[in-house]
Amino acid sequence: MFEEIDRFKERKQIAHRDRPGRPLWREVVNSDKIQVYKGLDIVTNKVSNEECRGVPHHLLGIIDPEVDFTVNDFVHHASLAVGAIVQKNRLPIIAGGSNSFVQALVNDDTEFRSKYECCFLWMDVAIPVLHSYVSKRVDQMVDAGRAIGVPEMDEFFRGEGLVDGETRAKLLKAAIGEIKKNTCKLACRQVEKILRMREEFGWQIHRLNATEVFLRRGGDAEDAWERWVVEPSTNIVARFICKGNIDPEPAIAAPSSGIAIATANN
């Protein structure tokens, strides 16, 4: 799969975490169908520049909100982005929760499928824990005045200036309940979609159990993130790139035709 695999192994000075002075070895291609739009940062909880940590991100906030960005549009733009990244001898990482986009690109596009081999990573969280987290997260966002659940809030917004305080409070409570319910339903559908793609297309999808991260707080959560997500995903991608012939403490070099695809059910 990799014409220059021996040279890549010699370049294993690129560590599995970014450090000052280290060469940049990967770029991210967004596959979230909402975060592709310009603006809407609060509504979509879009990844911030700080969270990007200097890593180039493609298809993030580039489309006018009035434009319908279709699956075919994603396949076209993502293919161009991946090709450009590979030309720089870097690893493309396709990340986002819109699995219909991932399926269209990786499975349905014959040209893309003939060019690249993919490593699939799935960050999963136990459903009861995820539901609890979603409930708390929605409450936090409402308390902070962040715009969420626009369709569910429609009735509240329409009646906000026309009803008394008690009715307004009831409408808000009902809207928040709908947001929580629909978000949990979406998470369950995403899990079903991922499992179906694994079964139907024969994809080897590596599950990363991030439940402990959501159960912990502060520094403990960061430690759990390193242990249960960062380290295993780094090992998986390193072995994918180097065909399993790597040291126990792997480093990552960019492949000529390999892609890491990360998705989540949260």
C-alpha atoms as a PDB file:
ATOM      1  CA  MET A   1       0.000   0.000   0.000  1.00  0.00           C
ATOM      2  CA  PHE A   2       2.779   2.458   0.749  1.00  0.00           C
ATOM      3  CA  GLU A   3       5.525   2.809  -1.831  1.00  0.00           C
ATOM      4  CA  GLU A   4       7.845   4.551   0.589  1.00  0.00           C
ATOM      5  CA  ILE A   5       7.093   2.646   3.779  1.00  0.00           C
ATOM      6  CA  ASP A   6      10.758   2.073   4.590  1.00  0.00           C
ATOM      7  CA  ARG A   7      11.444   5.786   4.437  1.00  0.00           C
ATOM      8  CA  PHE A   8       8.463   6.446   6.673  1.00  0.00           C
ATOM      9  CA  LYS A   9       9.798   4.070   9.295  1.00  0.00           C
ATOM     10  CA  GLU A  10      13.092   5.942   9.306  1.00  0.00           C
ATOM     11  CA  ARG A  11      11.198   9.157  10.027  1.00  0.00           C
ATOM     12  CA  LYS A  12       9.611   7.989  13.260  1.00  0.00           C
ATOM     13  CA  GLN A  13      10.938  11.038  15.030  1.00  0.00           C
ATOM     14  CA  ILE A  14       7.420  12.466  14.631  1.00  0.00           C
ATOM     15  CA  ALA A  15       5.882  11.793  18.042  1.00  0.00           C
ATOM     16  CA  HIS A  16       2.312  10.759  18.721  1.00  0.00           C
ATOM     17  CA  ARG A  17       1.629  14.129  20.372  1.00  0.00           C
ATOM     18  CA  ASP A  18       2.379  17.631  19.126  1.00  0.00           C
ATOM     19  CA  ARG A  19       5.431  19.196  20.717  1.00  0.00           C
ATOM     20  CA  PRO A  20       7.313  22.423  19.967  1.00  0.00           C
ATOM     21  CA  GLY A  21       9.655  21.976  17.036  1.00  0.00           C
ATOM     22  CA  ARG A  22       7.996  18.779  15.846  1.00  0.00           C
ATOM     23  CA  PRO A  23       7.022  18.637  12.164  1.00  0.00           C
ATOM     24  CA  LEU A  24       3.314  18.727  11.403  1.00  0.00           C
ATOM     25  CA  TRP A  25       2.262  15.276  10.226  1.00  0.00           C
ATOM     26  CA  ARG A  26      -1.506  15.446   9.786  1.00  0.00           C
ATOM     27  CA  GLU A  27      -4.437  17.622   8.785  1.00  0.00           C
ATOM     28  CA  VAL A  28      -8.134  17.266   9.579  1.00  0.00           C
ATOM     29  CA  VAL A  29     -11.017  17.125   7.110  1.00  0.00           C
ATOM     30  CA  ASN A  30     -14.321  17.962   8.790  1.00  0.00           C
ATOM     31  CA  SER A  31     -17.185  15.568   8.014  1.00  0.00           C
ATOM     32  CA  ASP A  32     -19.818  17.238  10.206  1.00  0.00           C
ATOM     33  CA  LYS A  33     -22.592  18.411   7.896  1.00  0.00           C
ATOM     34  CA  ILE A  34     -23.458  21.368  10.147  1.00  0.00           C
ATOM     35  CA  GLN A  35     -20.008  22.646  11.061  1.00  0.00           C
ATOM     36  CA  VAL A  36     -19.181  22.998   7.375  1.00  0.00           C
ATOM     37  CA  TYR A  37     -21.201  26.236   7.337  1.00  0.00           C
ATOM     38  CA  LYS A  38     -19.859  29.716   7.997  1.00  0.00           C
ATOM     39  CA  GLY A  39     -20.852  31.335  11.276  1.00  0.00           C
ATOM     40  CA  LEU A  40     -23.314  29.363  13.417  1.00  0.00           C
ATOM     41  CA  ASP A  41     -20.411  28.753  15.797  1.00  0.00           C
ATOM     42  CA  ILE A  42     -22.615  28.712  18.892  1.00  0.00           C
ATOM     43  CA  VAL A  43     -25.496  26.794  17.331  1.00  0.00           C
ATOM     44  CA  THR A  44     -23.186  24.040  16.035  1.00  0.00           C
ATOM     45  CA  ASN A  45     -20.752  24.133  18.983  1.00  0.00           C
ATOM     46  CA  LYS A  46     -18.082  24.480  16.286  1.00  0.00           C
ATOM     47  CA  VAL A  47     -14.490  23.580  17.098  1.00  0.00           C
ATOM     48  CA  SER A  48     -12.592  26.757  17.983  1.00  0.00           C
ATOM     49  CA  ASN A  49      -9.229  27.949  16.698  1.00  0.00           C
ATOM     50  CA  GLU A  50      -7.770  27.174  20.106  1.00  0.00           C
ATOM     51  CA  GLU A  51      -9.128  23.628  19.963  1.00  0.00           C
ATOM     52  CA  CYS A  52      -7.593  23.183  16.490  1.00  0.00           C
ATOM     53  CA  ARG A  53      -4.171  23.671  18.157  1.00  0.00           C
ATOM     54  CA  GLY A  54      -2.520  24.838  14.975  1.00  0.00           C
ATOM     55  CA  VAL A  55      -3.598  21.784  12.990  1.00  0.00           C
ATOM     56  CA  PRO A  56      -5.049  22.739   9.580  1.00  0.00           C
ATOM     57  CA  HIS A  57      -8.767  21.961   9.325  1.00  0.00           C
ATOM     58  CA  HIS A  58     -10.557  21.639   5.985  1.00  0.00           C
ATOM     59  CA  LEU A  59     -14.301  22.030   5.228  1.00  0.00           C
ATOM     60  CA  LEU A  60     -14.822  23.882   8.499  1.00  0.00           C
ATOM     61  CA  GLY A  61     -16.939  27.028   8.290  1.00  0.00           C
ATOM     62  CA  ILE A  62     -16.538  27.520   4.533  1.00  0.00           C
ATOM     63  CA  ILE A  63     -20.113  27.301   3.147  1.00  0.00           C
ATOM     64  CA  ASP A  64     -22.707  30.079   3.194  1.00  0.00           C
ATOM     65  CA  PRO A  65     -25.644  29.102   5.446  1.00  0.00           C
ATOM     66  CA  GLU A  66     -28.069  29.796   2.583  1.00  0.00           C
ATOM     67  CA  VAL A  67     -26.425  27.122   0.425  1.00  0.00           C
ATOM     68  CA  ASP A  68     -27.511  23.472   0.544  1.00  0.00           C
ATOM     69  CA  PHE A  69     -24.285  21.500   1.042  1.00  0.00           C
ATOM     70  CA  THR A  70     -25.129  18.043  -0.296  1.00  0.00           C
ATOM     71  CA  VAL A  71     -23.483  14.664   0.121  1.00  0.00           C
ATOM     72  CA  ASN A  72     -22.103  14.993  -3.414  1.00  0.00           C
ATOM     73  CA  ASP A  73     -20.635  18.379  -2.506  1.00  0.00           C
ATOM     74  CA  PHE A  74     -18.909  16.822   0.487  1.00  0.00           C
ATOM     75  CA  VAL A  75     -17.464  13.973  -1.572  1.00  0.00           C
ATOM     76  CA  HIS A  76     -16.081  16.455  -4.108  1.00  0.00           C
ATOM     77  CA  HIS A  77     -14.522  18.859  -1.611  1.00  0.00           C
ATOM     78  CA  ALA A  78     -13.286  16.138   0.762  1.00  0.00           C
ATOM     79  CA  SER A  79     -11.592  14.290  -2.104  1.00  0.00           C
ATOM     80  CA  LEU A  80      -9.777  17.460  -3.116  1.00  0.00           C
ATOM     81  CA  ALA A  81      -8.720  18.156   0.472  1.00  0.00           C
ATOM     82  CA  VAL A  82      -7.470  14.611   1.045  1.00  0.00           C
ATOM     83  CA  GLY A  83      -5.504  14.690  -2.211  1.00  0.00           C
ATOM     84  CA  ALA A  84      -3.854  17.966  -1.248  1.00  0.00           C
ATOM     85  CA  ILE A  85      -2.933  16.658   2.195  1.00  0.00           C
ATOM     86  CA  VAL A  86      -1.437  13.458   0.796  1.00  0.00           C
ATOM     87  CA  GLN A  87       0.586  15.492  -1.691  1.00  0.00           C
ATOM     88  CA  LYS A  88       2.237  17.171   1.307  1.00  0.00           C
ATOM     89  CA  ASN A  89       3.095  13.718   2.664  1.00  0.00           C
ATOM     90  CA  ARG A  90       0.768  14.189   5.626  1.00  0.00           C
ATOM     91  CA  LEU A  91      -1.930  12.005   7.136  1.00  0.00           C
ATOM     92  CA  PRO A  92      -5.535  13.053   6.355  1.00  0.00           C
ATOM     93  CA  ILE A  93      -7.850  12.585   9.337  1.00  0.00           C
ATOM     94  CA  ILE A  94     -11.539  12.734   8.441  1.00  0.00           C
ATOM     95  CA  ALA A  95     -13.426  13.575  11.641  1.00  0.00           C
ATOM     96  CA  GLY A  96     -17.071  14.228  12.406  1.00  0.00           C
ATOM     97  CA  GLY A  97     -20.376  12.615  13.273  1.00  0.00           C
ATOM     98  CA  SER A  98     -22.147  12.761   9.894  1.00  0.00           C
ATOM     99  CA  ASN A  99     -21.717   9.126   8.970  1.00  0.00           C
ATOM    100  CA  SER A 100     -23.760   9.479   5.774  1.00  0.00           C
ATOM    101  CA  PHE A 101     -20.968  11.733   4.492  1.00  0.00           C
ATOM    102  CA  VAL A 102     -18.324   9.188   5.481  1.00  0.00           C
ATOM    103  CA  GLN A 103     -20.214   6.361   3.787  1.00  0.00           C
ATOM    104  CA  ALA A 104     -20.669   8.347   0.569  1.00  0.00           C
ATOM    105  CA  LEU A 105     -16.972   9.183   0.407  1.00  0.00           C
ATOM    106  CA  VAL A 106     -15.355   5.953   1.526  1.00  0.00           C
ATOM    107  CA  ASN A 107     -17.764   3.332   0.234  1.00  0.00           C
ATOM    108  CA  ASP A 108     -19.824   4.865  -2.570  1.00  0.00           C
ATOM    109  CA  ASP A 109     -17.142   6.867  -4.390  1.00  0.00           C
ATOM    110  CA  THR A 110     -15.230   4.337  -6.488  1.00  0.00           C
ATOM    111  CA  GLU A 111     -12.372   6.687  -7.335  1.00  0.00           C
ATOM    112  CA  PHE A 112     -11.709   7.484  -3.683  1.00  0.00           C
ATOM    113  CA  ARG A 113     -11.977   3.820  -2.715  1.00  0.00           C
ATOM    114  CA  SER A 114      -9.464   2.820  -5.384  1.00  0.00           C
ATOM    115  CA  LYS A 115      -6.892   5.385  -4.208  1.00  0.00           C
ATOM    116  CA  TYR A 116      -6.936   5.092  -0.435  1.00  0.00           C
ATOM    117  CA  GLU A 117      -7.041   2.621   2.387  1.00  0.00           C
ATOM    118  CA  CYS A 118      -8.746   3.794   5.561  1.00  0.00           C
ATOM    119  CA  CYS A 119      -8.362   3.190   9.274  1.00  0.00           C
ATOM    120  CA  PHE A 120     -11.648   3.661  11.138  1.00  0.00           C
ATOM    121  CA  LEU A 121     -11.783   4.944  14.729  1.00  0.00           C
ATOM    122  CA  TRP A 122     -15.042   5.139  16.681  1.00  0.00           C
ATOM    123  CA  MET A 123     -15.116   7.045  19.957  1.00  0.00           C
ATOM    124  CA  ASP A 124     -17.976   5.498  21.896  1.00  0.00           C
ATOM    125  CA  VAL A 125     -19.548   6.223  25.277  1.00  0.00           C
ATOM    126  CA  ALA A 126     -21.886   3.935  27.202  1.00  0.00           C
ATOM    127  CA  ILE A 127     -25.427   5.055  26.374  1.00  0.00           C
ATOM    128  CA  PRO A 128     -26.621   5.610  29.998  1.00  0.00           C
ATOM    129  CA  VAL A 129     -23.534   7.715  30.717  1.00  0.00           C
ATOM    130  CA  LEU A 130     -23.950   9.604  27.458  1.00  0.00           C
ATOM    131  CA  HIS A 131     -27.601  10.348  28.181  1.00  0.00           C
ATOM    132  CA  SER A 132     -26.697  11.718  31.605  1.00  0.00           C
ATOM    133  CA  TYR A 133     -23.947  13.838  30.073  1.00  0.00           C
ATOM    134  CA  VAL A 134     -26.283  15.160  27.372  1.00  0.00           C
ATOM    135  CA  SER A 135     -28.833  16.203  29.984  1.00  0.00           C
ATOM    136  CA  LYS A 136     -26.253  18.108  32.017  1.00  0.00           C
ATOM    137  CA  ARG A 137     -24.667  19.605  28.913  1.00  0.00           C
ATOM    138  CA  VAL A 138     -27.994  20.946  27.643  1.00  0.00           C
ATOM    139  CA  ASP A 139     -28.723  22.514  31.046  1.00  0.00           C
ATOM    140  CA  GLN A 140     -25.273  24.137  31.074  1.00  0.00           C
ATOM    141  CA  MET A 141     -25.705  25.561  27.588  1.00  0.00           C
ATOM    142  CA  VAL A 142     -29.146  26.944  28.442  1.00  0.00           C
ATOM    143  CA  ASP A 143     -27.802  28.544  31.634  1.00  0.00           C
ATOM    144  CA  ALA A 144     -24.959  30.086  29.611  1.00  0.00           C
ATOM    145  CA  GLY A 145     -27.407  31.512  27.077  1.00  0.00           C
ATOM    146  CA  ARG A 146     -26.053  29.429  24.205  1.00  0.00           C
ATOM    147  CA  ALA A 147     -28.303  28.756  21.224  1.00  0.00           C
ATOM    148  CA  ILE A 148     -29.162  25.074  20.982  1.00  0.00           C
ATOM    149  CA  GLY A 149     -32.012  22.966  19.694  1.00  0.00           C
ATOM    150  CA  VAL A 150     -33.434  25.630  17.370  1.00  0.00           C
ATOM    151  CA  PRO A 151     -36.352  23.458  16.076  1.00  0.00           C
ATOM    152  CA  GLU A 152     -37.321  22.392  19.596  1.00  0.00           C
ATOM    153  CA  MET A 153     -37.233  25.994  20.821  1.00  0.00           C
ATOM    154  CA  ASP A 154     -39.547  27.240  18.074  1.00  0.00           C
ATOM    155  CA  GLU A 155     -42.772  27.164  20.104  1.00  0.00           C
ATOM    156  CA  PHE A 156     -41.063  28.846  23.038  1.00  0.00           C
ATOM    157  CA  PHE A 157     -39.672  31.651  20.875  1.00  0.00           C
ATOM    158  CA  ARG A 158     -43.009  32.213  19.152  1.00  0.00           C
ATOM    159  CA  GLY A 159     -44.900  32.487  22.415  1.00  0.00           C
ATOM    160  CA  GLU A 160     -42.235  34.141  24.550  1.00  0.00           C
ATOM    161  CA  GLY A 161     -43.651  37.653  24.263  1.00  0.00           C
ATOM    162  CA  LEU A 162     -47.306  36.616  24.167  1.00  0.00           C
ATOM    163  CA  VAL A 163     -47.755  34.523  27.304  1.00  0.00           C
ATOM    164  CA  ASP A 164     -47.366  35.034  31.036  1.00  0.00           C
ATOM    165  CA  GLY A 165     -44.262  34.049  32.996  1.00  0.00           C
ATOM    166  CA  GLU A 166     -45.637  30.727  34.210  1.00  0.00           C
ATOM    167  CA  THR A 167     -46.607  29.595  30.699  1.00  0.00           C
ATOM    168  CA  ARG A 168     -43.278  30.790  29.338  1.00  0.00           C
ATOM    169  CA  ALA A 169     -41.433  28.718  31.956  1.00  0.00           C
ATOM    170  CA  LYS A 170     -43.486  25.653  31.011  1.00  0.00           C
ATOM    171  CA  LEU A 171     -42.747  26.140  27.314  1.00  0.00           C
ATOM    172  CA  LEU A 172     -39.030  26.472  28.035  1.00  0.00           C
ATOM    173  CA  LYS A 173     -39.023  23.359  30.208  1.00  0.00           C
ATOM    174  CA  ALA A 174     -40.838  21.375  27.516  1.00  0.00           C
ATOM    175  CA  ALA A 175     -38.422  22.607  24.825  1.00  0.00           C
ATOM    176  CA  ILE A 176     -35.384  21.663  26.902  1.00  0.00           C
ATOM    177  CA  GLY A 177     -36.890  18.223  27.487  1.00  0.00           C
ATOM    178  CA  GLU A 178     -37.364  17.761  23.740  1.00  0.00           C
ATOM    179  CA  ILE A 179     -33.778  18.805  23.060  1.00  0.00           C
ATOM    180  CA  LYS A 180     -32.492  16.206  25.523  1.00  0.00           C
ATOM    181  CA  LYS A 181     -34.765  13.484  24.169  1.00  0.00           C
ATOM    182  CA  ASN A 182     -33.932  14.153  20.526  1.00  0.00           C
ATOM    183  CA  THR A 183     -30.195  14.383  21.205  1.00  0.00           C
ATOM    184  CA  CYS A 184     -30.243  11.009  22.958  1.00  0.00           C
ATOM    185  CA  LYS A 185     -32.227   9.509  20.092  1.00  0.00           C
ATOM    186  CA  LEU A 186     -29.669  10.867  17.647  1.00  0.00           C
ATOM    187  CA  ALA A 187     -26.836   9.269  19.604  1.00  0.00           C
ATOM    188  CA  CYS A 188     -28.589   5.899  19.507  1.00  0.00           C
ATOM    189  CA  ARG A 189     -29.206   6.193  15.760  1.00  0.00           C
ATOM    190  CA  GLN A 190     -25.548   7.007  15.215  1.00  0.00           C
ATOM    191  CA  VAL A 191     -24.510   3.860  17.062  1.00  0.00           C
ATOM    192  CA  GLU A 192     -26.893   1.804  14.937  1.00  0.00           C
ATOM    193  CA  LYS A 193     -25.529   3.439  11.776  1.00  0.00           C
ATOM    194  CA  ILE A 194     -21.912   2.703  12.715  1.00  0.00           C
ATOM    195  CA  LEU A 195     -22.694  -0.933  13.517  1.00  0.00           C
ATOM    196  CA  ARG A 196     -24.636  -1.300  10.274  1.00  0.00           C
ATOM    197  CA  MET A 197     -21.767   0.121   8.205  1.00  0.00           C
ATOM    198  CA  ARG A 198     -19.341  -2.241   9.912  1.00  0.00           C
ATOM    199  CA  GLU A 199     -21.547  -5.203   9.115  1.00  0.00           C
ATOM    200  CA  GLU A 200     -22.639  -4.177   5.609  1.00  0.00           C
ATOM    201  CA  PHE A 201     -19.323  -2.919   4.271  1.00  0.00           C
ATOM    202  CA  GLY A 202     -16.967  -5.132   6.246  1.00  0.00           C
ATOM    203  CA  TRP A 203     -15.137  -2.168   7.747  1.00  0.00           C
ATOM    204  CA  GLN A 204     -12.775  -2.875  10.606  1.00  0.00           C
ATOM    205  CA  ILE A 205     -13.911  -0.155  12.977  1.00  0.00           C
ATOM    206  CA  HIS A 206     -11.783   0.281  16.096  1.00  0.00           C
ATOM    207  CA  ARG A 207     -13.956   1.166  19.094  1.00  0.00           C
ATOM    208  CA  LEU A 208     -12.441   3.554  21.630  1.00  0.00           C
ATOM    209  CA  ASN A 209     -14.391   3.442  24.883  1.00  0.00           C
ATOM    210  CA  ALA A 210     -14.391   6.985  26.266  1.00  0.00           C
ATOM    211  CA  THR A 211     -16.887   6.280  29.051  1.00  0.00           C
ATOM    212  CA  GLU A 212     -14.320   6.847  31.807  1.00  0.00           C
ATOM    213  CA  VAL A 213     -13.569  10.298  30.406  1.00  0.00           C
ATOM    214  CA  PHE A 214     -17.197  11.309  30.855  1.00  0.00           C
ATOM    215  CA  LEU A 215     -17.360   9.859  34.362  1.00  0.00           C
ATOM    216  CA  ARG A 216     -14.389  11.846  35.644  1.00  0.00           C
ATOM    217  CA  ARG A 217     -13.661  15.527  36.191  1.00  0.00           C
ATOM    218  CA  GLY A 218     -10.681  17.871  35.924  1.00  0.00           C
ATOM    219  CA  GLY A 219      -7.238  16.330  35.770  1.00  0.00           C
ATOM    220  CA  ASP A 220      -8.645  12.828  36.178  1.00  0.00           C
ATOM    221  CA  ALA A 221     -10.673  13.306  33.001  1.00  0.00           C
ATOM    222  CA  GLU A 222      -7.563  14.433  31.128  1.00  0.00           C
ATOM    223  CA  ASP A 223      -5.672  11.376  32.344  1.00  0.00           C
ATOM    224  CA  ALA A 224      -8.564   9.158  31.267  1.00  0.00           C
ATOM    225  CA  TRP A 225      -8.622  10.827  27.844  1.00  0.00           C
ATOM    226  CA  GLU A 226      -4.932  10.076  27.379  1.00  0.00           C
ATOM    227  CA  ARG A 227      -5.272   6.485  28.546  1.00  0.00           C
ATOM    228  CA  TRP A 228      -8.512   5.434  26.870  1.00  0.00           C
ATOM    229  CA  VAL A 229      -8.553   7.558  23.702  1.00  0.00           C
ATOM    230  CA  VAL A 230      -5.246   9.211  22.775  1.00  0.00           C
ATOM    231  CA  GLU A 231      -2.851   6.334  23.418  1.00  0.00           C
ATOM    232  CA  PRO A 232      -4.910   3.519  21.879  1.00  0.00           C
ATOM    233  CA  SER A 233      -5.903   5.591  18.833  1.00  0.00           C
ATOM    234  CA  THR A 234      -2.273   6.585  18.292  1.00  0.00           C
ATOM    235  CA  ASN A 235      -1.211   2.946  18.481  1.00  0.00           C
ATOM    236  CA  ILE A 236      -3.944   1.862  16.087  1.00  0.00           C
ATOM    237  CA  VAL A 237      -3.076   4.486  13.473  1.00  0.00           C
ATOM    238  CA  ALA A 238       0.656   3.848  13.831  1.00  0.00           C
ATOM    239  CA  ARG A 239       0.173   0.129  13.197  1.00  0.00           C
ATOM    240  CA  PHE A 240      -2.119   0.895  10.286  1.00  0.00           C
ATOM    241  CA  ILE A 241       0.536   3.090   8.712  1.00  0.00           C
ATOM    242  CA  CYS A 242       3.476   0.802   9.358  1.00  0.00           C
ATOM    243  CA  LYS A 243       1.695  -2.490   8.725  1.00  0.00           C
ATOM    244  CA  GLY A 244       2.140  -3.499  12.359  1.00  0.00           C
ATOM    245  CA  ASN A 245       5.945  -3.339  12.242  1.00  0.00           C
ATOM    246  CA  ILE A 246       6.450  -0.680  14.893  1.00  0.00           C
ATOM    247  CA  ASP A 247       7.921  -0.278  18.347  1.00  0.00           C
ATOM    248  CA  PRO A 248       5.793  -0.477  21.527  1.00  0.00           C
ATOM    249  CA  GLU A 249       6.039   3.331  21.833  1.00  0.00           C
ATOM    250  CA  PRO A 250       4.897   4.269  18.330  1.00  0.00           C
ATOM    251  CA  ALA A 251       5.446   7.442  16.406  1.00  0.00           C
ATOM    252  CA  ILE A 252       3.518   8.417  13.351  1.00  0.00           C
ATOM    253  CA  ALA A 253       4.724   9.299   9.886  1.00  0.00           C
ATOM    254  CA  ALA A 254       2.427  10.221   7.045  1.00  0.00           C
ATOM    255  CA  PRO A 255       1.424   7.504   4.563  1.00  0.00           C
ATOM    256  CA  SER A 256       1.170   7.935   0.826  1.00  0.00           C
ATOM    257  CA  SER A 257      -2.339   6.474   0.575  1.00  0.00           C
ATOM    258  CA  GLY A 258      -3.662   5.957   4.085  1.00  0.00           C
ATOM    259  CA  ILE A 259      -6.431   7.874   5.850  1.00  0.00           C
ATOM    260  CA  ALA A 260      -7.636   7.851   9.450  1.00  0.00           C
ATOM    261  CA  ILE A 261     -11.380   8.329   9.866  1.00  0.00           C
ATOM    262  CA  ALA A 262     -12.707   9.242  13.295  1.00  0.00           C
ATOM    263  CA  THR A 263     -16.378   9.294  14.227  1.00  0.00           C
ATOM    264  CA  ALA A 264     -18.350   9.404  17.455  1.00  0.00           C
ATOM    265  CA  ASN A 265     -21.802   8.798  18.855  1.00  0.00           C
ATOM    266  CA  ASN A 266     -21.824  11.898  21.046  1.00  0.00           C
END
